[in-house]
């Protein structure tokens, strides 16, 4: 599998696409640009971010925002409010339980269902 080939098929920002699965976990890729993701959390699941290319502004409630760069890896613990954004295109890999809702219980114009992420 070539991750860049899968990323080339991602045409919308903030629209994760499942590229594989390991047991009860999905491996996803996404492109981030702008500030469209709302503050949200995943009540019962951790979420892992790996930066493939670019820079990602990561914000967590009650913490100082930080920049993630190519090669950086970060795990958001369950129940922690967070959001991400990027001035320029950033390509990421996400590792999430199959039950993880894209934007948690918060619905927005960018929220994608698991079915949309599997297409």
Protein backbone atom coordinates (compact mmCIF):
# COMPACT_ATOMS: atom_id res chain seq x y z
CA UNK A 1 0.00 0.00 0.00
CA UNK A 2 1.24 3.46 -0.84
CA UNK A 3 -0.11 6.12 1.51
CA UNK A 4 0.57 8.97 -0.95
CA UNK A 5 -1.61 7.21 -3.55
CA UNK A 6 -4.45 7.08 -1.02
CA UNK A 7 -3.93 10.73 -0.11
CA UNK A 8 -4.10 11.72 -3.78
CA UNK A 9 -7.70 10.42 -3.80
CA UNK A 10 -8.72 12.63 -0.85
CA UNK A 11 -10.40 15.64 -2.48
CA UNK A 12 -12.00 17.37 0.52
CA UNK A 13 -10.35 18.85 3.59
CA UNK A 14 -11.43 17.44 6.98
CA UNK A 15 -12.74 14.30 5.27
CA UNK A 16 -10.92 11.23 6.66
CA UNK A 17 -10.73 8.12 4.47
CA UNK A 18 -10.22 4.62 5.84
CA UNK A 19 -7.20 2.97 4.21
CA UNK A 20 -6.87 -0.08 6.46
CA UNK A 21 -7.89 -1.79 9.62
CA UNK A 22 -6.19 -3.67 12.42
CA UNK A 23 -8.53 -5.62 14.70
CA UNK A 24 -11.08 -3.04 15.97
CA UNK A 25 -9.09 -0.02 14.77
CA UNK A 26 -9.26 1.97 11.52
CA UNK A 27 -6.22 3.58 9.92
CA UNK A 28 -7.28 6.75 8.09
CA UNK A 29 -5.71 9.53 6.05
CA UNK A 30 -6.96 13.09 5.77
CA UNK A 31 -6.00 16.51 4.51
CA UNK A 32 -6.44 19.51 6.79
CA UNK A 33 -6.59 23.15 5.72
CA UNK A 34 -8.45 25.93 7.50
CA UNK A 35 -10.29 25.99 10.80
CA UNK A 36 -13.48 24.05 10.09
CA UNK A 37 -13.26 21.32 12.76
CA UNK A 38 -15.30 22.26 15.85
CA UNK A 39 -14.20 21.70 19.42
CA UNK A 40 -15.15 18.11 20.22
CA UNK A 41 -14.14 15.01 22.14
CA UNK A 42 -14.49 11.26 21.92
CA UNK A 43 -16.05 10.15 25.20
CA UNK A 44 -14.85 6.53 25.09
CA UNK A 45 -11.93 6.42 22.66
CA UNK A 46 -8.39 7.73 22.38
CA UNK A 47 -7.37 9.14 18.97
CA UNK A 48 -3.87 9.07 17.46
CA UNK A 49 -2.51 11.67 15.01
CA UNK A 50 0.59 11.18 12.84
CA UNK A 51 1.74 14.05 10.61
CA UNK A 52 2.70 12.86 7.13
CA UNK A 53 3.35 16.26 5.58
CA UNK A 54 2.89 19.90 6.59
CA UNK A 55 2.12 21.49 9.95
CA UNK A 56 -0.94 21.10 12.17
CA UNK A 57 -2.05 23.45 14.93
CA UNK A 58 -3.32 21.25 17.75
CA UNK A 59 -5.51 22.69 20.49
CA UNK A 60 -6.63 20.92 23.63
CA UNK A 61 -8.85 22.41 26.29
CA UNK A 62 -6.85 23.79 29.24
CA UNK A 63 -3.49 23.38 27.45
CA UNK A 64 -1.28 25.67 25.41
CA UNK A 65 -1.78 25.12 21.62
CA UNK A 66 1.15 23.48 19.85
CA UNK A 67 2.34 22.86 16.31
CA UNK A 68 2.85 19.32 15.04
CA UNK A 69 5.25 18.83 12.12
CA UNK A 70 6.07 16.02 9.70
CA UNK A 71 6.89 12.86 11.64
CA UNK A 72 5.21 13.99 14.87
CA UNK A 73 2.81 11.62 16.65
CA UNK A 74 0.28 12.51 19.35
CA UNK A 75 -2.48 10.68 21.21
CA UNK A 76 -5.54 12.56 22.45
CA UNK A 77 -7.02 10.79 25.44
CA UNK A 78 -10.71 9.98 25.59
CA UNK A 79 -12.97 12.78 26.81
CA UNK A 80 -10.47 15.59 26.07
CA UNK A 81 -11.92 18.49 24.05
CA UNK A 82 -9.73 19.28 21.06
CA UNK A 83 -9.61 20.70 17.56
CA UNK A 84 -7.07 20.99 14.78
CA UNK A 85 -6.38 23.49 12.01
CA UNK A 86 -3.75 24.37 9.44
CA UNK A 87 -2.96 27.49 7.42
CA UNK A 88 -1.53 25.40 4.56
CA UNK A 89 -2.47 21.88 3.58
CA UNK A 90 -1.43 19.29 6.15
CA UNK A 91 -1.63 15.55 5.48
CA UNK A 92 -2.28 13.30 8.46
CA UNK A 93 -2.82 9.69 9.43
CA UNK A 94 -5.39 8.93 12.11
CA UNK A 95 -5.63 5.76 14.16
CA UNK A 96 -9.04 5.37 15.77
CA UNK A 97 -11.35 2.70 17.12
CA UNK A 98 -14.00 1.71 14.59
CA UNK A 99 -16.60 3.19 16.95
CA UNK A 100 -15.01 6.68 16.96
CA UNK A 101 -17.37 9.34 15.58
CA UNK A 102 -15.57 11.92 13.40
CA UNK A 103 -16.42 14.96 15.53
CA UNK A 104 -17.72 13.13 18.58
CA UNK A 105 -21.23 14.21 19.57
CA UNK A 106 -20.76 17.60 17.85
CA UNK A 107 -22.27 17.80 14.36
CA UNK A 108 -20.95 20.34 11.86
CA UNK A 109 -20.79 20.89 8.11
CA UNK A 110 -17.57 18.84 7.92
CA UNK A 111 -18.75 15.89 10.04
CA UNK A 112 -18.45 12.60 8.12
CA UNK A 113 -20.13 9.33 9.01
CA UNK A 114 -18.15 6.09 9.15
CA UNK A 115 -19.89 5.07 5.90
CA UNK A 116 -18.61 8.23 4.17
CA UNK A 117 -15.11 7.56 5.50
CA UNK A 118 -15.17 4.03 4.04
CA UNK A 119 -15.93 5.23 0.47
